[in-house]
């Protein structure tokens, strides 16, 4: 690991403390998004087959775990939903 600087453990745990996704399972994210938006609206927000064609938590987990760009969009929508909830919307 040449050229890689190690960071103190304290700095790493501080970063995670500021990460709202830290410790949140992908399954929890999907369940909360489905509860908030429903599958139909979720499929309109993020057009991926696992949300639009016979959607299920299981198929969504499988797809999102192997598709980084889609997972990023789901995590982004989840963070947006959390911000709106916190703002009272």
Protein backbone atom coordinates (compact mmCIF):
# COMPACT_ATOMS: atom_id res chain seq x y z
CA UNK A 1 0.00 0.00 0.00
CA UNK A 2 2.67 2.41 -1.03
CA UNK A 3 1.68 6.03 -1.08
CA UNK A 4 -1.33 5.50 1.11
CA UNK A 5 -1.44 7.47 4.31
CA UNK A 6 -3.15 5.92 7.26
CA UNK A 7 -5.59 8.08 9.14
CA UNK A 8 -5.96 7.96 12.88
CA UNK A 9 -8.86 5.82 14.05
CA UNK A 10 -10.43 8.82 15.73
CA UNK A 11 -10.62 10.71 12.43
CA UNK A 12 -12.28 7.76 10.68
CA UNK A 13 -14.95 7.34 13.36
CA UNK A 14 -15.58 11.11 13.30
CA UNK A 15 -16.21 10.91 9.54
CA UNK A 16 -18.70 8.09 10.06
CA UNK A 17 -20.46 10.01 12.82
CA UNK A 18 -21.25 12.69 10.22
CA UNK A 19 -22.43 10.15 7.65
CA UNK A 20 -26.23 9.81 7.90
CA UNK A 21 -26.07 6.48 6.04
CA UNK A 22 -23.59 4.91 8.47
CA UNK A 23 -25.16 1.86 10.08
CA UNK A 24 -28.31 2.01 7.93
CA UNK A 25 -28.93 -1.22 6.05
CA UNK A 26 -29.82 -1.05 2.38
CA UNK A 27 -32.95 -3.07 3.16
CA UNK A 28 -34.04 -0.40 5.67
CA UNK A 29 -33.49 2.32 3.06
CA UNK A 30 -35.64 0.48 0.51
CA UNK A 31 -38.39 -0.24 3.04
CA UNK A 32 -38.54 3.38 4.17
CA UNK A 33 -38.58 4.68 0.60
CA UNK A 34 -41.38 2.28 -0.34
CA UNK A 35 -43.34 3.29 2.76
CA UNK A 36 -42.90 6.98 1.92
CA UNK A 37 -43.29 6.93 -1.89
CA UNK A 38 -44.82 3.55 -2.76
CA UNK A 39 -43.39 1.36 -5.54
CA UNK A 40 -45.11 3.27 -8.35
CA UNK A 41 -43.78 6.69 -7.35
CA UNK A 42 -40.38 5.23 -6.46
CA UNK A 43 -40.21 3.81 -10.00
CA UNK A 44 -40.98 7.25 -11.41
CA UNK A 45 -38.31 8.90 -9.24
CA UNK A 46 -35.67 6.30 -10.12
CA UNK A 47 -36.43 4.42 -13.33
CA UNK A 48 -34.93 1.01 -12.75
CA UNK A 49 -36.68 -2.28 -13.52
CA UNK A 50 -36.52 -3.59 -9.97
CA UNK A 51 -38.84 -0.66 -9.01
CA UNK A 52 -41.08 -0.68 -12.10
CA UNK A 53 -41.60 -4.34 -13.10
CA UNK A 54 -42.90 -6.70 -10.42
CA UNK A 55 -41.05 -4.81 -7.65
CA UNK A 56 -39.92 -6.48 -4.46
CA UNK A 57 -37.46 -5.74 -1.70
CA UNK A 58 -35.55 -8.90 -2.56
CA UNK A 59 -35.05 -8.08 -6.25
CA UNK A 60 -34.17 -4.48 -5.38
CA UNK A 61 -31.53 -5.57 -2.88
CA UNK A 62 -29.97 -7.95 -5.39
CA UNK A 63 -29.82 -5.31 -8.13
CA UNK A 64 -28.66 -2.42 -5.95
CA UNK A 65 -25.88 -4.44 -4.32
CA UNK A 66 -24.28 -5.07 -7.72
CA UNK A 67 -25.09 -1.74 -9.41
CA UNK A 68 -23.24 1.16 -7.76
CA UNK A 69 -24.79 3.97 -9.84
CA UNK A 70 -28.33 2.83 -8.97
CA UNK A 71 -27.46 2.42 -5.29
CA UNK A 72 -26.08 5.97 -5.25
CA UNK A 73 -29.35 7.29 -6.67
CA UNK A 74 -31.37 5.35 -4.07
CA UNK A 75 -29.16 6.59 -1.23
CA UNK A 76 -29.43 10.14 -2.56
CA UNK A 77 -33.24 9.95 -2.67
CA UNK A 78 -33.24 8.52 0.85
CA UNK A 79 -31.13 11.42 2.14
CA UNK A 80 -33.44 13.88 0.35
CA UNK A 81 -36.44 12.22 2.03
CA UNK A 82 -34.76 12.48 5.45
CA UNK A 83 -33.96 16.18 4.92
CA UNK A 84 -37.56 16.91 3.92
CA UNK A 85 -38.87 15.02 6.96
CA UNK A 86 -36.54 16.98 9.24
CA UNK A 87 -37.79 20.22 7.66
CA UNK A 88 -41.37 19.18 8.42
CA UNK A 89 -42.50 18.39 4.86
